[in-house]
Amino acid sequence: MLTHEELKAKALSNPQVQAEYERLNREEFALLDEMLKARREAGLSQAEIALRMKTKAPAVARLESALASGKHSPSISTLRKYANALGKNLEIKLV
């Protein structure tokens, strides 16, 4: 039986799988980049965002790190709260 890492490596050896994996990661990282850029521009810490979201700083840290790792996709509600904490609106588009 293959481990998760072995199975992932085997799947990613297929060029089509690799291309799709990279495309999905680019989208995830683009969202994270936008969120971090907006937080920096607002001059807010994770703790300040958490306070505005009515949650705790570790929850914001987990949200940002989950996007960085690609292991979790936050809900639209959570993304909306994050955006609102920055004084912004969440906009989702199908292109």
N, C-alpha and C. Protein backbone atom coordinates (compact mmCIF):
# COMPACT_ATOMS: atom_id res chain seq x y z
N MET A 1 0.84 -1.18 0.00
CA MET A 1 0.00 0.00 0.00
C MET A 1 0.89 1.25 0.00
N LEU A 2 0.55 2.20 -0.84
CA LEU A 2 1.30 3.44 -0.95
C LEU A 2 0.93 4.41 0.17
N THR A 3 1.92 5.17 0.62
CA THR A 3 1.62 6.24 1.56
C THR A 3 1.01 7.40 0.77
N HIS A 4 0.49 8.37 1.48
CA HIS A 4 -0.09 9.55 0.83
C HIS A 4 0.95 10.24 -0.05
N GLU A 5 2.14 10.42 0.50
CA GLU A 5 3.19 11.11 -0.26
C GLU A 5 3.60 10.32 -1.50
N GLU A 6 3.67 9.01 -1.39
CA GLU A 6 4.02 8.18 -2.54
C GLU A 6 2.93 8.23 -3.61
N LEU A 7 1.69 8.19 -3.18
CA LEU A 7 0.57 8.27 -4.12
C LEU A 7 0.55 9.62 -4.81
N LYS A 8 0.80 10.68 -4.04
CA LYS A 8 0.84 12.03 -4.62
C LYS A 8 1.96 12.13 -5.65
N ALA A 9 3.14 11.64 -5.30
CA ALA A 9 4.27 11.69 -6.22
C ALA A 9 3.97 10.91 -7.50
N LYS A 10 3.33 9.77 -7.35
CA LYS A 10 2.99 8.95 -8.52
C LYS A 10 1.99 9.70 -9.41
N ALA A 11 0.98 10.30 -8.79
CA ALA A 11 -0.03 11.04 -9.56
C ALA A 11 0.60 12.23 -10.26
N LEU A 12 1.49 12.94 -9.56
CA LEU A 12 2.10 14.14 -10.14
C LEU A 12 3.13 13.82 -11.21
N SER A 13 3.49 12.57 -11.37
CA SER A 13 4.39 12.19 -12.46
C SER A 13 3.67 12.25 -13.81
N ASN A 14 2.33 12.28 -13.77
CA ASN A 14 1.53 12.43 -14.98
C ASN A 14 1.49 13.91 -15.33
N PRO A 15 1.96 14.33 -16.51
CA PRO A 15 2.00 15.75 -16.87
C PRO A 15 0.64 16.45 -16.79
N GLN A 16 -0.44 15.74 -17.15
CA GLN A 16 -1.77 16.37 -17.08
C GLN A 16 -2.18 16.62 -15.63
N VAL A 17 -1.92 15.67 -14.76
CA VAL A 17 -2.23 15.84 -13.34
C VAL A 17 -1.38 16.97 -12.76
N GLN A 18 -0.10 16.99 -13.11
CA GLN A 18 0.81 18.02 -12.63
C GLN A 18 0.32 19.42 -13.04
N ALA A 19 -0.09 19.57 -14.29
CA ALA A 19 -0.57 20.86 -14.79
C ALA A 19 -1.81 21.32 -14.03
N GLU A 20 -2.74 20.42 -13.81
CA GLU A 20 -3.96 20.77 -13.08
C GLU A 20 -3.65 21.11 -11.62
N TYR A 21 -2.78 20.36 -11.01
CA TYR A 21 -2.36 20.60 -9.62
C TYR A 21 -1.75 22.00 -9.50
N GLU A 22 -0.89 22.36 -10.43
CA GLU A 22 -0.26 23.68 -10.41
C GLU A 22 -1.28 24.78 -10.65
N ARG A 23 -2.25 24.55 -11.54
CA ARG A 23 -3.29 25.55 -11.80
C ARG A 23 -4.10 25.80 -10.54
N LEU A 24 -4.50 24.75 -9.86
CA LEU A 24 -5.28 24.90 -8.63
C LEU A 24 -4.49 25.61 -7.54
N ASN A 25 -3.22 25.28 -7.42
CA ASN A 25 -2.39 25.94 -6.41
C ASN A 25 -2.22 27.42 -6.71
N ARG A 26 -2.08 27.78 -8.00
CA ARG A 26 -1.96 29.20 -8.35
C ARG A 26 -3.20 29.96 -7.91
N GLU A 27 -4.38 29.37 -8.10
CA GLU A 27 -5.62 30.03 -7.70
C GLU A 27 -5.67 30.21 -6.18
N GLU A 28 -5.30 29.18 -5.43
CA GLU A 28 -5.30 29.26 -3.97
C GLU A 28 -4.32 30.34 -3.51
N PHE A 29 -3.10 30.34 -4.09
CA PHE A 29 -2.11 31.32 -3.68
C PHE A 29 -2.51 32.73 -4.09
N ALA A 30 -3.20 32.87 -5.19
CA ALA A 30 -3.65 34.19 -5.61
C ALA A 30 -4.62 34.77 -4.58
N LEU A 31 -5.51 33.94 -4.06
CA LEU A 31 -6.44 34.39 -3.02
C LEU A 31 -5.68 34.78 -1.77
N LEU A 32 -4.74 33.95 -1.35
CA LEU A 32 -3.95 34.26 -0.16
C LEU A 32 -3.18 35.56 -0.36
N ASP A 33 -2.56 35.72 -1.53
CA ASP A 33 -1.81 36.95 -1.81
C ASP A 33 -2.70 38.18 -1.69
N GLU A 34 -3.92 38.09 -2.23
CA GLU A 34 -4.87 39.21 -2.14
C GLU A 34 -5.22 39.52 -0.70
N MET A 35 -5.47 38.48 0.08
CA MET A 35 -5.84 38.67 1.48
C MET A 35 -4.70 39.31 2.27
N LEU A 36 -3.50 38.80 2.10
CA LEU A 36 -2.35 39.33 2.84
C LEU A 36 -2.02 40.76 2.41
N LYS A 37 -2.14 41.02 1.12
CA LYS A 37 -1.90 42.37 0.60
C LYS A 37 -2.90 43.35 1.21
N ALA A 38 -4.16 42.96 1.25
CA ALA A 38 -5.20 43.84 1.81
C ALA A 38 -4.95 44.07 3.30
N ARG A 39 -4.53 43.05 4.02
CA ARG A 39 -4.26 43.20 5.45
C ARG A 39 -3.07 44.12 5.67
N ARG A 40 -2.02 43.94 4.87
CA ARG A 40 -0.84 44.83 4.97
C ARG A 40 -1.23 46.27 4.67
N GLU A 41 -1.99 46.47 3.59
CA GLU A 41 -2.39 47.83 3.20
C GLU A 41 -3.25 48.48 4.27
N ALA A 42 -4.04 47.68 4.98
CA ALA A 42 -4.87 48.21 6.05
C ALA A 42 -4.06 48.42 7.33
N GLY A 43 -2.84 47.88 7.36
CA GLY A 43 -1.98 48.03 8.52
C GLY A 43 -2.49 47.26 9.74
N LEU A 44 -3.15 46.13 9.49
CA LEU A 44 -3.74 45.37 10.58
C LEU A 44 -2.99 44.07 10.83
N SER A 45 -2.92 43.69 12.09
CA SER A 45 -2.33 42.40 12.47
C SER A 45 -3.41 41.32 12.42
N GLN A 46 -2.97 40.08 12.53
CA GLN A 46 -3.93 38.98 12.60
C GLN A 46 -4.85 39.16 13.81
N ALA A 47 -4.29 39.62 14.91
CA ALA A 47 -5.09 39.83 16.13
C ALA A 47 -6.16 40.90 15.90
N GLU A 48 -5.81 41.96 15.20
CA GLU A 48 -6.78 43.02 14.92
C GLU A 48 -7.88 42.53 13.97
N ILE A 49 -7.50 41.75 12.97
CA ILE A 49 -8.49 41.17 12.06
C ILE A 49 -9.42 40.26 12.86
N ALA A 50 -8.83 39.43 13.72
CA ALA A 50 -9.62 38.50 14.53
C ALA A 50 -10.64 39.24 15.38
N LEU A 51 -10.22 40.31 16.00
CA LEU A 51 -11.13 41.11 16.83
C LEU A 51 -12.31 41.62 16.00
N ARG A 52 -12.02 42.10 14.83
CA ARG A 52 -13.08 42.60 13.94
C ARG A 52 -13.98 41.49 13.42
N MET A 53 -13.40 40.27 13.30
CA MET A 53 -14.19 39.12 12.84
C MET A 53 -14.94 38.45 13.99
N LYS A 54 -14.70 38.95 15.20
CA LYS A 54 -15.29 38.36 16.41
C LYS A 54 -14.82 36.91 16.59
N THR A 55 -13.51 36.73 16.41
CA THR A 55 -12.90 35.42 16.62
C THR A 55 -11.57 35.65 17.31
N LYS A 56 -10.72 34.65 17.34
CA LYS A 56 -9.42 34.76 17.99
C LYS A 56 -8.30 34.74 16.95
N ALA A 57 -7.18 35.33 17.32
CA ALA A 57 -6.05 35.44 16.40
C ALA A 57 -5.60 34.09 15.83
N PRO A 58 -5.57 33.01 16.65
CA PRO A 58 -5.16 31.73 16.06
C PRO A 58 -6.07 31.27 14.92
N ALA A 59 -7.35 31.66 14.95
CA ALA A 59 -8.26 31.28 13.87
C ALA A 59 -7.86 31.98 12.57
N VAL A 60 -7.44 33.24 12.67
CA VAL A 60 -7.00 33.98 11.48
C VAL A 60 -5.68 33.39 10.99
N ALA A 61 -4.80 33.06 11.91
CA ALA A 61 -3.53 32.44 11.53
C ALA A 61 -3.77 31.12 10.82
N ARG A 62 -4.71 30.32 11.34
CA ARG A 62 -5.03 29.04 10.70
C ARG A 62 -5.62 29.26 9.31
N LEU A 63 -6.48 30.26 9.17
CA LEU A 63 -7.08 30.57 7.87
C LEU A 63 -5.99 30.90 6.86
N GLU A 64 -5.10 31.80 7.21
CA GLU A 64 -4.05 32.20 6.29
C GLU A 64 -3.08 31.05 6.00
N SER A 65 -2.72 30.28 7.02
CA SER A 65 -1.78 29.17 6.78
C SER A 65 -2.45 28.03 6.02
N ALA A 66 -3.75 27.83 6.23
CA ALA A 66 -4.45 26.78 5.49
C ALA A 66 -4.46 27.08 4.01
N LEU A 67 -4.64 28.33 3.66
CA LEU A 67 -4.60 28.71 2.24
C LEU A 67 -3.19 28.53 1.69
N ALA A 68 -2.19 28.83 2.50
CA ALA A 68 -0.80 28.67 2.05
C ALA A 68 -0.45 27.21 1.83
N SER A 69 -1.01 26.35 2.65
CA SER A 69 -0.69 24.92 2.53
C SER A 69 -1.57 24.22 1.51
N GLY A 70 -2.70 24.84 1.16
CA GLY A 70 -3.62 24.22 0.22
C GLY A 70 -4.41 23.07 0.82
N LYS A 71 -4.39 22.96 2.15
CA LYS A 71 -5.05 21.84 2.81
C LYS A 71 -6.49 22.14 3.20
N HIS A 72 -6.90 23.38 3.03
CA HIS A 72 -8.25 23.74 3.46
C HIS A 72 -8.77 24.86 2.58
N SER A 73 -10.02 24.77 2.24
CA SER A 73 -10.68 25.85 1.50
C SER A 73 -11.69 26.50 2.43
N PRO A 74 -11.48 27.76 2.76
CA PRO A 74 -12.39 28.42 3.69
C PRO A 74 -13.77 28.62 3.06
N SER A 75 -14.77 28.73 3.92
CA SER A 75 -16.12 28.96 3.44
C SER A 75 -16.25 30.39 2.92
N ILE A 76 -17.26 30.61 2.12
CA ILE A 76 -17.53 31.97 1.62
C ILE A 76 -17.85 32.88 2.79
N SER A 77 -18.55 32.36 3.77
CA SER A 77 -18.89 33.15 4.96
C SER A 77 -17.62 33.63 5.67
N THR A 78 -16.65 32.75 5.82
CA THR A 78 -15.40 33.13 6.48
C THR A 78 -14.65 34.17 5.66
N LEU A 79 -14.59 33.97 4.36
CA LEU A 79 -13.92 34.95 3.49
C LEU A 79 -14.63 36.30 3.54
N ARG A 80 -15.95 36.27 3.61
CA ARG A 80 -16.73 37.51 3.70
C ARG A 80 -16.39 38.24 5.00
N LYS A 81 -16.32 37.51 6.11
CA LYS A 81 -15.98 38.12 7.40
C LYS A 81 -14.59 38.73 7.35
N TYR A 82 -13.65 38.03 6.74
CA TYR A 82 -12.29 38.54 6.62
C TYR A 82 -12.30 39.84 5.80
N ALA A 83 -12.97 39.82 4.68
CA ALA A 83 -13.06 41.01 3.83
C ALA A 83 -13.71 42.17 4.58
N ASN A 84 -14.79 41.90 5.27
CA ASN A 84 -15.48 42.95 6.02
C ASN A 84 -14.59 43.52 7.12
N ALA A 85 -13.78 42.67 7.74
CA ALA A 85 -12.86 43.13 8.78
C ALA A 85 -11.83 44.11 8.22
N LEU A 86 -11.58 44.00 6.92
CA LEU A 86 -10.66 44.91 6.23
C LEU A 86 -11.37 46.11 5.64
N GLY A 87 -12.69 46.17 5.83
CA GLY A 87 -13.46 47.26 5.24
C GLY A 87 -13.68 47.07 3.76
N LYS A 88 -13.63 45.81 3.32
CA LYS A 88 -13.79 45.50 1.91
C LYS A 88 -14.98 44.57 1.72
N ASN A 89 -15.37 44.37 0.47
CA ASN A 89 -16.42 43.43 0.12
C ASN A 89 -15.80 42.24 -0.58
N LEU A 90 -16.41 41.07 -0.38
CA LEU A 90 -15.96 39.87 -1.08
C LEU A 90 -16.70 39.82 -2.41
N GLU A 91 -15.94 39.60 -3.49
CA GLU A 91 -16.53 39.51 -4.82
C GLU A 91 -16.02 38.23 -5.46
N ILE A 92 -16.95 37.37 -5.85
CA ILE A 92 -16.58 36.11 -6.49
C ILE A 92 -17.13 36.14 -7.91
N LYS A 93 -16.28 35.80 -8.86
CA LYS A 93 -16.71 35.86 -10.26
C LYS A 93 -16.43 34.53 -10.94
N LEU A 94 -17.28 34.18 -11.85
CA LEU A 94 -17.02 33.08 -12.76
C LEU A 94 -16.60 33.70 -14.07
N VAL A 95 -15.46 33.29 -14.57
CA VAL A 95 -14.91 33.90 -15.77
C VAL A 95 -14.84 32.84 -16.86
